[in-house]
């Protein structure tokens, strides 16, 4: 499999090349179609696996890279649902040692999922819009253009 680009600059996965046409896969929709070979160019140096991953929304990909287990995912969900939360609240409420908690929070910050916040005069963390969108998507809620969740199909 190879990564290819069409004349509009859109990136696809090359599934099969024949004499005059190629079958390509749109990683965002999963749709396959045939196009003329001369309408495509191979994207050198781009992994087809990285291209395939683009079918997953960026907020979810970012979250997957930062979350390694259920407890860590649960911590992010709690910050999204209940936040912003102070460091004291986080330390008192969850069964994590201080170093584990701070390590996970550092990973979230690096991934752009949380940001520092003042919580009643104490240092704390709030979820970013990226984290909020990722949690909605992971819960199966549809996200509209204005980032408001809907789950009724509208």
C-alpha atoms as a PDB file:
ATOM      1  CA  UNK A   1       0.000   0.000   0.000  1.00  0.00           C
ATOM      2  CA  UNK A   2       1.194   3.542  -0.734  1.00  0.00           C
ATOM      3  CA  UNK A   3       0.148   7.074   0.088  1.00  0.00           C
ATOM      4  CA  UNK A   4      -0.910   9.032  -3.008  1.00  0.00           C
ATOM      5  CA  UNK A   5      -2.133  12.551  -3.667  1.00  0.00           C
ATOM      6  CA  UNK A   6      -4.543  13.818  -6.328  1.00  0.00           C
ATOM      7  CA  UNK A   7      -4.411  17.115  -8.229  1.00  0.00           C
ATOM      8  CA  UNK A   8      -6.450  18.847  -5.481  1.00  0.00           C
ATOM      9  CA  UNK A   9      -3.846  17.870  -2.875  1.00  0.00           C
ATOM     10  CA  UNK A  10      -6.102  15.319  -1.143  1.00  0.00           C
ATOM     11  CA  UNK A  11      -4.282  12.295   0.281  1.00  0.00           C
ATOM     12  CA  UNK A  12      -5.443   8.706  -0.216  1.00  0.00           C
ATOM     13  CA  UNK A  13      -4.236   5.165   0.195  1.00  0.00           C
ATOM     14  CA  UNK A  14      -3.479   3.303  -3.024  1.00  0.00           C
ATOM     15  CA  UNK A  15      -5.211  -0.062  -2.746  1.00  0.00           C
ATOM     16  CA  UNK A  16      -4.560  -1.458  -6.220  1.00  0.00           C
ATOM     17  CA  UNK A  17      -3.026  -0.147  -9.442  1.00  0.00           C
ATOM     18  CA  UNK A  18      -4.107  -1.501 -12.829  1.00  0.00           C
ATOM     19  CA  UNK A  19      -3.093  -0.535 -16.364  1.00  0.00           C
ATOM     20  CA  UNK A  20      -5.074   2.725 -16.628  1.00  0.00           C
ATOM     21  CA  UNK A  21      -6.655   3.250 -13.229  1.00  0.00           C
ATOM     22  CA  UNK A  22      -6.066   2.808  -9.542  1.00  0.00           C
ATOM     23  CA  UNK A  23      -8.377   1.942  -6.693  1.00  0.00           C
ATOM     24  CA  UNK A  24      -7.882   4.416  -3.854  1.00  0.00           C
ATOM     25  CA  UNK A  25      -9.228   4.592  -0.314  1.00  0.00           C
ATOM     26  CA  UNK A  26     -10.193   7.835   1.416  1.00  0.00           C
ATOM     27  CA  UNK A  27      -8.864   7.370   4.979  1.00  0.00           C
ATOM     28  CA  UNK A  28     -11.409   9.809   6.418  1.00  0.00           C
ATOM     29  CA  UNK A  29     -14.520   8.151   4.976  1.00  0.00           C
ATOM     30  CA  UNK A  30     -13.408   4.616   4.156  1.00  0.00           C
ATOM     31  CA  UNK A  31     -14.833   5.114   0.648  1.00  0.00           C
ATOM     32  CA  UNK A  32     -13.032   3.395  -2.213  1.00  0.00           C
ATOM     33  CA  UNK A  33     -13.142   4.534  -5.831  1.00  0.00           C
ATOM     34  CA  UNK A  34     -11.248   4.267  -9.084  1.00  0.00           C
ATOM     35  CA  UNK A  35      -9.273   7.157 -10.593  1.00  0.00           C
ATOM     36  CA  UNK A  36      -6.977   7.467 -13.590  1.00  0.00           C
ATOM     37  CA  UNK A  37      -3.346   6.640 -12.822  1.00  0.00           C
ATOM     38  CA  UNK A  38      -2.135   9.920 -14.292  1.00  0.00           C
ATOM     39  CA  UNK A  39      -4.316  11.831 -11.784  1.00  0.00           C
ATOM     40  CA  UNK A  40      -2.253  10.513  -8.848  1.00  0.00           C
ATOM     41  CA  UNK A  41       1.250  11.003  -7.568  1.00  0.00           C
ATOM     42  CA  UNK A  42       3.009   8.904  -4.932  1.00  0.00           C
ATOM     43  CA  UNK A  43       3.802  10.837  -1.752  1.00  0.00           C
ATOM     44  CA  UNK A  44       7.403   9.929  -1.031  1.00  0.00           C
ATOM     45  CA  UNK A  45       8.369   9.383   2.584  1.00  0.00           C
ATOM     46  CA  UNK A  46       4.840   9.258   3.972  1.00  0.00           C
ATOM     47  CA  UNK A  47       3.845   6.061   5.743  1.00  0.00           C
ATOM     48  CA  UNK A  48       0.577   4.531   4.555  1.00  0.00           C
ATOM     49  CA  UNK A  49      -0.127   3.678   8.183  1.00  0.00           C
ATOM     50  CA  UNK A  50       0.117   7.347   9.166  1.00  0.00           C
ATOM     51  CA  UNK A  51      -2.216   8.153   6.266  1.00  0.00           C
ATOM     52  CA  UNK A  52      -4.673   5.503   7.454  1.00  0.00           C
ATOM     53  CA  UNK A  53      -4.630   6.979  10.966  1.00  0.00           C
ATOM     54  CA  UNK A  54      -5.926  10.286   9.595  1.00  0.00           C
ATOM     55  CA  UNK A  55      -9.327   8.625   9.354  1.00  0.00           C
ATOM     56  CA  UNK A  56      -9.576   9.060  13.128  1.00  0.00           C
ATOM     57  CA  UNK A  57     -10.353  12.622  14.273  1.00  0.00           C
ATOM     58  CA  UNK A  58      -7.282  14.507  15.542  1.00  0.00           C
ATOM     59  CA  UNK A  59      -8.632  15.016  19.094  1.00  0.00           C
ATOM     60  CA  UNK A  60      -9.098  11.250  19.448  1.00  0.00           C
ATOM     61  CA  UNK A  61      -5.642  10.487  18.009  1.00  0.00           C
ATOM     62  CA  UNK A  62      -4.087  12.976  20.426  1.00  0.00           C
ATOM     63  CA  UNK A  63      -5.953  11.382  23.346  1.00  0.00           C
ATOM     64  CA  UNK A  64      -4.955   7.867  22.364  1.00  0.00           C
ATOM     65  CA  UNK A  65      -1.298   8.890  22.361  1.00  0.00           C
ATOM     66  CA  UNK A  66      -1.590  10.376  25.875  1.00  0.00           C
ATOM     67  CA  UNK A  67      -3.803   7.737  27.524  1.00  0.00           C
ATOM     68  CA  UNK A  68      -2.278   4.346  28.265  1.00  0.00           C
ATOM     69  CA  UNK A  69      -4.859   2.655  30.467  1.00  0.00           C
ATOM     70  CA  UNK A  70      -8.402   2.927  31.834  1.00  0.00           C
ATOM     71  CA  UNK A  71      -7.383   4.858  34.958  1.00  0.00           C
ATOM     72  CA  UNK A  72      -5.683   7.510  32.852  1.00  0.00           C
ATOM     73  CA  UNK A  73      -8.675   7.764  30.529  1.00  0.00           C
ATOM     74  CA  UNK A  74     -10.913   8.028  33.585  1.00  0.00           C
ATOM     75  CA  UNK A  75      -8.810  10.892  34.939  1.00  0.00           C
ATOM     76  CA  UNK A  76      -9.182  12.797  31.680  1.00  0.00           C
ATOM     77  CA  UNK A  77     -12.940  12.138  31.613  1.00  0.00           C
ATOM     78  CA  UNK A  78     -13.249  13.432  35.175  1.00  0.00           C
ATOM     79  CA  UNK A  79     -11.391  16.628  34.314  1.00  0.00           C
ATOM     80  CA  UNK A  80     -13.638  17.107  31.272  1.00  0.00           C
ATOM     81  CA  UNK A  81     -16.855  16.381  33.208  1.00  0.00           C
ATOM     82  CA  UNK A  82     -16.079  17.986  36.576  1.00  0.00           C
ATOM     83  CA  UNK A  83     -13.301  20.439  35.891  1.00  0.00           C
ATOM     84  CA  UNK A  84     -11.575  22.637  36.342  1.00  0.00           C
ATOM     85  CA  UNK A  85     -10.200  20.832  39.380  1.00  0.00           C
ATOM     86  CA  UNK A  86      -7.473  21.874  41.785  1.00  0.00           C
ATOM     87  CA  UNK A  87      -4.440  19.702  42.384  1.00  0.00           C
ATOM     88  CA  UNK A  88      -5.723  19.097  45.924  1.00  0.00           C
ATOM     89  CA  UNK A  89      -9.095  17.890  44.616  1.00  0.00           C
ATOM     90  CA  UNK A  90      -7.410  15.592  42.132  1.00  0.00           C
ATOM     91  CA  UNK A  91      -5.067  14.174  44.757  1.00  0.00           C
ATOM     92  CA  UNK A  92      -7.844  13.631  47.326  1.00  0.00           C
ATOM     93  CA  UNK A  93     -10.460  12.202  44.975  1.00  0.00           C
ATOM     94  CA  UNK A  94      -8.566   9.517  43.095  1.00  0.00           C
ATOM     95  CA  UNK A  95      -6.514   6.496  44.078  1.00  0.00           C
ATOM     96  CA  UNK A  96      -3.245   7.612  42.490  1.00  0.00           C
ATOM     97  CA  UNK A  97       0.014   8.340  44.168  1.00  0.00           C
ATOM     98  CA  UNK A  98       1.258  11.878  43.729  1.00  0.00           C
ATOM     99  CA  UNK A  99       3.962  10.964  41.208  1.00  0.00           C
ATOM    100  CA  UNK A 100       1.525   8.958  39.039  1.00  0.00           C
ATOM    101  CA  UNK A 101      -0.993  11.800  39.108  1.00  0.00           C
ATOM    102  CA  UNK A 102       1.588  14.433  38.195  1.00  0.00           C
ATOM    103  CA  UNK A 103       3.020  12.190  35.463  1.00  0.00           C
ATOM    104  CA  UNK A 104      -0.379  11.732  33.856  1.00  0.00           C
ATOM    105  CA  UNK A 105      -1.192  15.433  34.131  1.00  0.00           C
ATOM    106  CA  UNK A 106       2.146  16.249  32.481  1.00  0.00           C
ATOM    107  CA  UNK A 107       1.320  13.920  29.578  1.00  0.00           C
ATOM    108  CA  UNK A 108      -2.092  15.589  29.204  1.00  0.00           C
ATOM    109  CA  UNK A 109      -0.461  19.035  29.161  1.00  0.00           C
ATOM    110  CA  UNK A 110       2.076  18.016  26.528  1.00  0.00           C
ATOM    111  CA  UNK A 111      -0.748  16.563  24.401  1.00  0.00           C
ATOM    112  CA  UNK A 112      -2.742  19.786  24.728  1.00  0.00           C
ATOM    113  CA  UNK A 113      -5.609  18.077  26.560  1.00  0.00           C
ATOM    114  CA  UNK A 114      -5.498  20.168  29.742  1.00  0.00           C
ATOM    115  CA  UNK A 115      -4.275  23.595  30.723  1.00  0.00           C
ATOM    116  CA  UNK A 116      -3.407  25.195  34.024  1.00  0.00           C
ATOM    117  CA  UNK A 117      -6.267  26.977  35.736  1.00  0.00           C
ATOM    118  CA  UNK A 118      -6.860  28.891  38.929  1.00  0.00           C
ATOM    119  CA  UNK A 119      -9.395  26.987  41.018  1.00  0.00           C
ATOM    120  CA  UNK A 120     -10.520  28.963  44.060  1.00  0.00           C
ATOM    121  CA  UNK A 121      -7.059  30.495  44.393  1.00  0.00           C
ATOM    122  CA  UNK A 122      -5.264  27.163  43.979  1.00  0.00           C
ATOM    123  CA  UNK A 123      -3.377  25.705  41.064  1.00  0.00           C
ATOM    124  CA  UNK A 124      -5.441  23.297  39.050  1.00  0.00           C
ATOM    125  CA  UNK A 125      -6.279  22.055  35.581  1.00  0.00           C
ATOM    126  CA  UNK A 126      -9.092  22.499  33.096  1.00  0.00           C
ATOM    127  CA  UNK A 127      -9.838  20.464  29.990  1.00  0.00           C
ATOM    128  CA  UNK A 128      -9.114  22.051  26.632  1.00  0.00           C
ATOM    129  CA  UNK A 129     -11.683  22.058  23.853  1.00  0.00           C
ATOM    130  CA  UNK A 130      -9.613  19.306  22.203  1.00  0.00           C
ATOM    131  CA  UNK A 131     -10.111  17.051  25.247  1.00  0.00           C
ATOM    132  CA  UNK A 132     -13.812  17.894  25.436  1.00  0.00           C
ATOM    133  CA  UNK A 133     -14.292  17.035  21.764  1.00  0.00           C
ATOM    134  CA  UNK A 134     -12.285  13.811  22.098  1.00  0.00           C
ATOM    135  CA  UNK A 135     -14.364  12.607  25.059  1.00  0.00           C
ATOM    136  CA  UNK A 136     -17.603  13.379  23.202  1.00  0.00           C
ATOM    137  CA  UNK A 137     -16.365  11.435  20.176  1.00  0.00           C
ATOM    138  CA  UNK A 138     -15.179   8.515  22.320  1.00  0.00           C
ATOM    139  CA  UNK A 139     -18.606   8.411  23.957  1.00  0.00           C
ATOM    140  CA  UNK A 140     -20.139   8.111  20.502  1.00  0.00           C
ATOM    141  CA  UNK A 141     -21.691  11.561  20.470  1.00  0.00           C
ATOM    142  CA  UNK A 142     -21.770  13.341  17.145  1.00  0.00           C
ATOM    143  CA  UNK A 143     -19.818  16.585  17.084  1.00  0.00           C
ATOM    144  CA  UNK A 144     -21.187  19.360  14.880  1.00  0.00           C
ATOM    145  CA  UNK A 145     -19.214  22.161  13.252  1.00  0.00           C
ATOM    146  CA  UNK A 146     -19.785  24.449  16.221  1.00  0.00           C
ATOM    147  CA  UNK A 147     -18.484  21.692  18.578  1.00  0.00           C
ATOM    148  CA  UNK A 148     -21.847  21.200  20.257  1.00  0.00           C
ATOM    149  CA  UNK A 149     -22.534  17.511  20.888  1.00  0.00           C
ATOM    150  CA  UNK A 150     -25.614  15.849  19.470  1.00  0.00           C
ATOM    151  CA  UNK A 151     -26.662  12.252  19.861  1.00  0.00           C
ATOM    152  CA  UNK A 152     -30.056  12.390  18.189  1.00  0.00           C
ATOM    153  CA  UNK A 153     -28.719  12.180  14.627  1.00  0.00           C
ATOM    154  CA  UNK A 154     -29.268  15.868  13.880  1.00  0.00           C
END
